[in-house]
Amino acid sequence: MSKAGQGIAAIIVACAVWGLAPVYYRLVAVPPLEMLAHRTLWTLLFFGTLLVVQGRFRAVPALITGAIRGRVWLAAAIVSFNWGLFIWAVKSGYAIEASLGYYIFPLVAVVLGVVVLGERLSIGQGLAVALAAAAVGVLTWGLGVAPWVALALAFSFAPYMLLKKRLDAPAVVSVTAEVTLIAPFALGWLLWQHFGTVGGGAFGRDWATSWLLPITGLITGGPLILFSWGAQRVRLSTLGLTQYLNPTLQVFSAVVIFGEPFTVWHRIAFGMIWAGLAAYSLESWRQERGRQERAARSAAASEAASGTAL
């Protein structure tokens, strides 16, 4: 298999694990906050062990105590909120809304780039953003309430990704730093659950739950490693298309496995979102193709000039 093929396979596996993660969180009968605490600690153990083995763990305290520690704290707070809301949504019957949030996240990121970074909005991007906004309006009108879960997930994850770009650190290192900061709060919550409440915490209650809880670290960390590895081996256009596999599988899980209602308003809204994402992806593909063609012409011109000089 070629390097590109290996990269695509790794990304597909990563997105499949992320996309089917709602099945896991629904299966494990643990309250959302307790589940979030376990996710934080087991992710720290998974990534921390990996970095120690690789000899890179010293980068974590350097990131936490360095000049950008404020950004790390902010990223930690945002990712904790995002993870917690996602777990709550899946367990509370809002998995469809959660998937909608991850569909519109790239479009929210586009708007954030325009507002914060001063980037220019292309025609395709503008159309995609307009369709996403209209889809949210359709759902609000049809269901009588705004899709707050989707909006909260999208509008928290987009700033998080902007912060990640400015941290200038490998994904595994930055996430490890973030969960390291959250870990004391997570540990405190679990200790209170175990020793300060009637019935105690979930871990140790029965063997099945005790075996399932550590898996949350694997399904958080494993896909991130695969995705980062695969992203280095594929073109940007390919990477952009594969990111929609995750929310698509989330919709599948919500409708087919959980039996959540997929009303006519959902169909209209998701149809508009998919149309917008198609326009966005086509625009991105054209831009990348144009860059590649310009680079090829520049290389050919340089080679011709070198030949003439000789």
Protein backbone atom coordinates (compact mmCIF):
# COMPACT_ATOMS: atom_id res chain seq x y z
CA MET A 1 0.00 0.00 0.00
CA SER A 2 1.26 3.49 -0.86
CA LYS A 3 1.95 6.13 1.78
CA ALA A 4 -1.18 8.00 0.70
CA GLY A 5 -3.23 4.80 0.97
CA GLN A 6 -1.86 4.14 4.45
CA GLY A 7 -2.70 7.70 5.44
CA ILE A 8 -6.27 7.44 4.15
CA ALA A 9 -6.74 4.11 5.95
CA ALA A 10 -5.46 5.59 9.23
CA ILE A 11 -7.75 8.62 8.93
CA ILE A 12 -10.79 6.48 8.11
CA VAL A 13 -10.15 4.28 11.15
CA ALA A 14 -9.71 7.36 13.35
CA CYS A 15 -12.92 8.99 12.10
CA ALA A 16 -14.81 5.69 12.42
CA VAL A 17 -13.79 5.37 16.07
CA TRP A 18 -14.77 8.98 16.78
CA GLY A 19 -18.02 8.56 14.85
CA LEU A 20 -19.05 5.42 16.73
CA ALA A 21 -17.92 6.74 20.12
CA PRO A 22 -21.54 7.66 21.02
CA VAL A 23 -22.34 3.93 21.10
CA TYR A 24 -19.66 3.47 23.76
CA TYR A 25 -20.79 6.43 25.87
CA ARG A 26 -24.40 5.29 25.68
CA LEU A 27 -23.41 1.73 26.60
CA VAL A 28 -21.47 2.65 29.73
CA ALA A 29 -24.06 3.47 32.40
CA VAL A 30 -22.09 6.22 34.14
CA PRO A 31 -23.35 9.79 34.79
CA PRO A 32 -21.96 12.42 32.36
CA LEU A 33 -19.72 14.32 34.80
CA GLU A 34 -18.26 11.12 36.20
CA MET A 35 -17.71 9.89 32.63
CA LEU A 36 -15.95 13.16 31.77
CA ALA A 37 -13.67 12.77 34.78
CA HIS A 38 -12.75 9.24 33.71
CA ARG A 39 -12.17 10.39 30.13
CA THR A 40 -9.78 13.06 31.38
CA LEU A 41 -7.76 10.77 33.63
CA TRP A 42 -7.55 7.79 31.28
CA THR A 43 -6.56 10.07 28.39
CA LEU A 44 -3.82 11.53 30.58
CA LEU A 45 -2.59 8.04 31.44
CA PHE A 46 -2.64 6.95 27.78
CA PHE A 47 -0.88 10.02 26.37
CA GLY A 48 1.42 10.44 29.36
CA THR A 49 2.69 6.87 29.05
CA LEU A 50 3.21 7.33 25.31
CA LEU A 51 5.21 10.53 25.78
CA VAL A 52 7.34 8.99 28.54
CA VAL A 53 8.17 6.02 26.29
CA GLN A 54 9.04 8.42 23.45
CA GLY A 55 11.11 10.63 25.74
CA ARG A 56 8.96 13.69 25.00
CA PHE A 57 7.10 14.19 28.29
CA ARG A 58 9.35 17.08 29.36
CA ALA A 59 7.57 19.18 26.72
CA VAL A 60 4.35 19.01 28.77
CA PRO A 61 5.48 20.94 31.90
CA ALA A 62 7.33 23.36 29.60
CA LEU A 63 4.04 24.08 27.83
CA ILE A 64 2.08 24.44 31.08
CA THR A 65 4.54 26.82 32.73
CA GLY A 66 5.74 28.66 29.62
CA ALA A 67 4.78 32.02 28.18
CA ILE A 68 1.62 30.64 26.56
CA ARG A 69 0.29 28.90 29.69
CA GLY A 70 -2.79 31.14 29.61
CA ARG A 71 -3.72 29.76 26.20
CA VAL A 72 -3.19 26.21 27.47
CA TRP A 73 -5.52 26.85 30.42
CA LEU A 74 -8.14 28.32 28.10
CA ALA A 75 -7.83 25.37 25.70
CA ALA A 76 -8.16 22.98 28.65
CA ALA A 77 -11.34 24.69 29.84
CA ILE A 78 -12.87 24.67 26.35
CA VAL A 79 -12.07 21.03 25.60
CA SER A 80 -13.42 20.00 29.00
CA PHE A 81 -16.69 21.81 28.26
CA ASN A 82 -16.84 20.32 24.75
CA TRP A 83 -16.19 16.75 25.93
CA GLY A 84 -18.66 17.08 28.79
CA LEU A 85 -21.43 18.51 26.61
CA PHE A 86 -20.91 15.79 24.00
CA ILE A 87 -21.14 13.02 26.60
CA TRP A 88 -24.24 14.60 28.15
CA ALA A 89 -25.88 15.01 24.72
CA VAL A 90 -25.33 11.37 23.76
CA LYS A 91 -26.65 10.11 27.09
CA SER A 92 -29.63 12.48 27.08
CA GLY A 93 -31.02 11.77 23.60
CA TYR A 94 -29.37 14.64 21.71
CA ALA A 95 -26.90 12.65 19.60
CA ILE A 96 -28.38 14.03 16.36
CA GLU A 97 -27.82 17.58 17.59
CA ALA A 98 -24.28 16.68 18.59
CA SER A 99 -23.57 15.40 15.09
CA LEU A 100 -25.00 18.62 13.63
CA GLY A 101 -22.53 20.56 15.76
CA TYR A 102 -19.57 18.73 14.25
CA TYR A 103 -21.00 19.18 10.75
CA ILE A 104 -21.20 22.96 11.09
CA PHE A 105 -17.96 23.33 13.06
CA PRO A 106 -15.80 23.81 9.89
CA LEU A 107 -18.15 26.57 8.75
CA VAL A 108 -18.00 28.27 12.15
CA ALA A 109 -14.21 28.06 11.87
CA VAL A 110 -14.45 29.88 8.52
CA VAL A 111 -16.44 32.70 10.13
CA LEU A 112 -13.97 32.83 13.01
CA GLY A 113 -11.12 33.14 10.52
CA VAL A 114 -12.85 36.11 8.89
CA VAL A 115 -13.68 37.87 12.17
CA VAL A 116 -10.50 37.16 14.16
CA LEU A 117 -7.80 36.66 11.53
CA GLY A 118 -9.15 38.96 8.84
CA GLU A 119 -9.31 36.20 6.23
CA ARG A 120 -11.32 36.75 3.05
CA LEU A 121 -14.54 34.79 2.55
CA SER A 122 -14.72 33.08 -0.85
CA ILE A 123 -17.98 32.62 -2.76
CA GLY A 124 -18.15 28.91 -1.92
CA GLN A 125 -17.42 29.54 1.74
CA GLY A 126 -20.01 32.31 1.91
CA LEU A 127 -22.64 30.03 0.36
CA ALA A 128 -21.79 27.26 2.83
CA VAL A 129 -22.02 29.58 5.83
CA ALA A 130 -25.34 31.02 4.59
CA LEU A 131 -26.81 27.54 4.13
CA ALA A 132 -25.65 26.50 7.61
CA ALA A 133 -27.26 29.58 9.15
CA ALA A 134 -30.46 28.89 7.23
CA ALA A 135 -30.42 25.26 8.40
CA VAL A 136 -30.21 26.38 12.03
CA GLY A 137 -33.13 28.73 11.35
CA VAL A 138 -35.18 25.91 9.81
CA LEU A 139 -34.61 23.67 12.83
CA THR A 140 -35.45 26.47 15.23
CA TRP A 141 -38.67 27.24 13.36
CA GLY A 142 -39.70 23.61 12.88
CA LEU A 143 -38.88 22.27 16.34
CA GLY A 144 -39.76 25.42 18.24
CA VAL A 145 -36.36 25.63 19.92
CA ALA A 146 -32.86 26.42 18.70
CA PRO A 147 -30.39 23.50 18.43
CA TRP A 148 -28.40 24.80 21.38
CA VAL A 149 -26.35 21.63 21.79
CA ALA A 150 -25.15 21.78 18.18
CA LEU A 151 -24.39 25.49 18.40
CA ALA A 152 -22.54 25.13 21.70
CA LEU A 153 -20.40 22.28 20.37
CA ALA A 154 -19.57 24.09 17.12
CA PHE A 155 -18.91 27.48 18.72
CA SER A 156 -16.68 25.94 21.41
CA PHE A 157 -14.69 23.63 19.14
CA ALA A 158 -13.88 26.32 16.55
CA PRO A 159 -12.12 28.64 19.06
CA TYR A 160 -10.41 25.58 20.52
CA MET A 161 -8.90 24.73 17.14
CA LEU A 162 -7.80 28.36 16.70
CA LEU A 163 -6.05 28.18 20.07
CA LYS A 164 -4.41 24.89 19.08
CA LYS A 165 -2.87 26.54 16.02
CA ARG A 166 -1.35 29.21 18.24
CA LEU A 167 0.05 26.77 20.79
CA ASP A 168 2.64 25.61 18.25
CA ALA A 169 2.94 22.15 19.83
CA PRO A 170 2.30 18.60 18.58
CA ALA A 171 -1.29 17.44 19.09
CA VAL A 172 -0.41 14.71 21.59
CA VAL A 173 1.74 17.08 23.67
CA SER A 174 -0.86 19.86 23.75
CA VAL A 175 -3.76 17.54 24.64
CA THR A 176 -1.62 15.95 27.38
CA ALA A 177 -0.93 19.41 28.80
CA GLU A 178 -4.65 20.23 28.72
CA VAL A 179 -5.78 17.06 30.50
CA THR A 180 -2.93 17.47 33.00
CA LEU A 181 -4.46 20.79 34.04
CA ILE A 182 -7.96 19.31 34.24
CA ALA A 183 -6.83 16.13 36.03
CA PRO A 184 -6.88 17.49 39.63
CA PHE A 185 -10.51 18.56 39.20
CA ALA A 186 -11.39 15.21 37.61
CA LEU A 187 -9.68 13.28 40.39
CA GLY A 188 -11.38 15.39 43.05
CA TRP A 189 -14.78 14.75 41.50
CA LEU A 190 -14.19 10.98 41.37
CA LEU A 191 -12.98 10.88 44.98
CA TRP A 192 -16.10 12.75 46.06
CA GLN A 193 -18.27 10.36 44.04
CA HIS A 194 -16.62 7.34 45.65
CA PHE A 195 -16.42 8.50 49.25
CA GLY A 196 -18.87 11.39 49.60
CA THR A 197 -22.04 10.06 47.99
CA VAL A 198 -24.44 7.23 48.68
CA GLY A 199 -23.69 4.27 46.43
CA GLY A 200 -20.18 5.41 45.51
CA GLY A 201 -18.65 5.85 42.09
CA ALA A 202 -18.97 3.59 39.07
CA PHE A 203 -15.40 2.27 38.98
CA GLY A 204 -15.17 -0.91 41.02
CA ARG A 205 -18.94 -1.33 41.22
CA ASP A 206 -18.87 -4.27 38.81
CA TRP A 207 -16.24 -5.86 36.60
CA ALA A 208 -17.89 -4.90 33.28
CA THR A 209 -18.02 -1.16 34.04
CA SER A 210 -14.54 -1.23 35.55
CA TRP A 211 -13.16 -2.76 32.34
CA LEU A 212 -15.10 -0.44 30.04
CA LEU A 213 -14.13 2.86 31.67
CA PRO A 214 -10.40 2.79 30.73
CA ILE A 215 -11.41 2.38 27.08
CA THR A 216 -12.41 6.05 27.05
CA GLY A 217 -8.72 6.92 27.05
CA LEU A 218 -8.11 4.70 24.03
CA ILE A 219 -11.03 6.02 21.97
CA THR A 220 -9.91 9.58 22.73
CA GLY A 221 -6.18 9.18 22.23
CA GLY A 222 -5.89 6.39 19.67
CA PRO A 223 -7.84 8.14 16.88
CA LEU A 224 -5.93 11.39 17.45
CA ILE A 225 -2.62 9.60 16.90
CA LEU A 226 -3.93 7.83 13.80
CA PHE A 227 -5.42 11.04 12.40
CA SER A 228 -2.23 13.04 12.98
CA TRP A 229 -0.12 10.28 11.39
CA GLY A 230 -2.45 9.95 8.41
CA ALA A 231 -2.78 13.71 7.87
CA GLN A 232 0.94 13.90 7.11
CA ARG A 233 0.53 11.45 4.22
CA VAL A 234 -2.53 12.70 2.34
CA ARG A 235 -3.46 15.81 0.40
CA LEU A 236 -5.39 18.60 2.07
CA SER A 237 -8.45 18.02 -0.12
CA THR A 238 -8.57 14.36 0.91
CA LEU A 239 -8.22 15.32 4.56
CA GLY A 240 -11.08 17.80 4.23
CA LEU A 241 -13.45 15.21 2.81
CA THR A 242 -12.71 12.53 5.41
CA GLN A 243 -13.54 14.81 8.36
CA TYR A 244 -17.25 14.46 7.60
CA LEU A 245 -17.16 10.70 8.20
CA ASN A 246 -17.20 11.33 11.95
CA PRO A 247 -20.53 13.25 12.19
CA THR A 248 -22.07 11.02 9.50
CA LEU A 249 -21.47 7.96 11.67
CA GLN A 250 -22.82 9.89 14.64
CA VAL A 251 -26.06 10.53 12.76
CA PHE A 252 -26.21 6.84 11.83
CA SER A 253 -25.75 5.83 15.47
CA ALA A 254 -28.37 8.31 16.67
CA VAL A 255 -31.05 7.31 14.17
CA VAL A 256 -30.43 3.59 13.57
CA ILE A 257 -29.01 2.43 16.91
CA PHE A 258 -30.50 4.87 19.44
CA GLY A 259 -33.78 5.41 17.60
CA GLU A 260 -33.78 9.20 17.94
CA PRO A 261 -36.46 10.90 15.79
CA PHE A 262 -35.22 12.28 12.47
CA THR A 263 -38.08 14.59 11.56
CA VAL A 264 -38.79 16.31 8.27
CA TRP A 265 -37.22 19.44 9.76
CA HIS A 266 -34.04 17.49 10.47
CA ARG A 267 -34.04 16.21 6.88
CA ILE A 268 -34.40 19.71 5.46
CA ALA A 269 -31.75 21.16 7.78
CA PHE A 270 -29.25 18.36 7.23
CA GLY A 271 -29.85 18.56 3.48
CA MET A 272 -28.95 22.25 3.57
CA ILE A 273 -25.88 21.52 5.69
CA TRP A 274 -24.70 18.80 3.30
CA ALA A 275 -25.23 21.12 0.33
CA GLY A 276 -23.20 23.80 2.08
CA LEU A 277 -20.42 21.38 2.93
CA ALA A 278 -20.35 20.20 -0.68
CA ALA A 279 -19.87 23.80 -1.84
CA TYR A 280 -17.22 24.34 0.83
CA SER A 281 -15.34 21.15 -0.10
CA LEU A 282 -15.49 21.93 -3.83
CA GLU A 283 -14.11 25.41 -3.18
CA SER A 284 -11.28 23.97 -1.07
CA TRP A 285 -10.48 21.39 -3.76
CA ARG A 286 -10.32 24.06 -6.46
CA GLN A 287 -8.07 26.27 -4.35
CA GLU A 288 -5.67 23.43 -3.61
CA ARG A 289 -5.63 22.36 -7.25
CA GLY A 290 -4.82 25.93 -8.27
CA ARG A 291 -1.96 26.07 -5.76
CA GLN A 292 -0.55 22.79 -7.06
CA GLU A 293 -0.75 23.97 -10.67
CA ARG A 294 0.99 27.25 -9.82
CA ALA A 295 3.69 25.39 -7.91
CA ALA A 296 4.20 23.02 -10.86
CA ARG A 297 4.47 25.92 -13.32
CA SER A 298 6.91 27.72 -11.02
CA ALA A 299 9.06 24.59 -10.70
CA ALA A 300 9.03 24.07 -14.47
CA ALA A 301 9.98 27.69 -15.08
CA SER A 302 12.84 27.45 -12.58
CA GLU A 303 14.08 24.26 -14.20
CA ALA A 304 13.93 25.86 -17.66
CA ALA A 305 15.81 28.92 -16.42
CA SER A 306 18.49 26.70 -14.88
CA GLY A 307 18.84 24.81 -18.16
CA THR A 308 19.20 28.05 -20.10
CA ALA A 309 21.85 29.30 -17.70
CA LEU A 310 23.84 26.13 -18.21
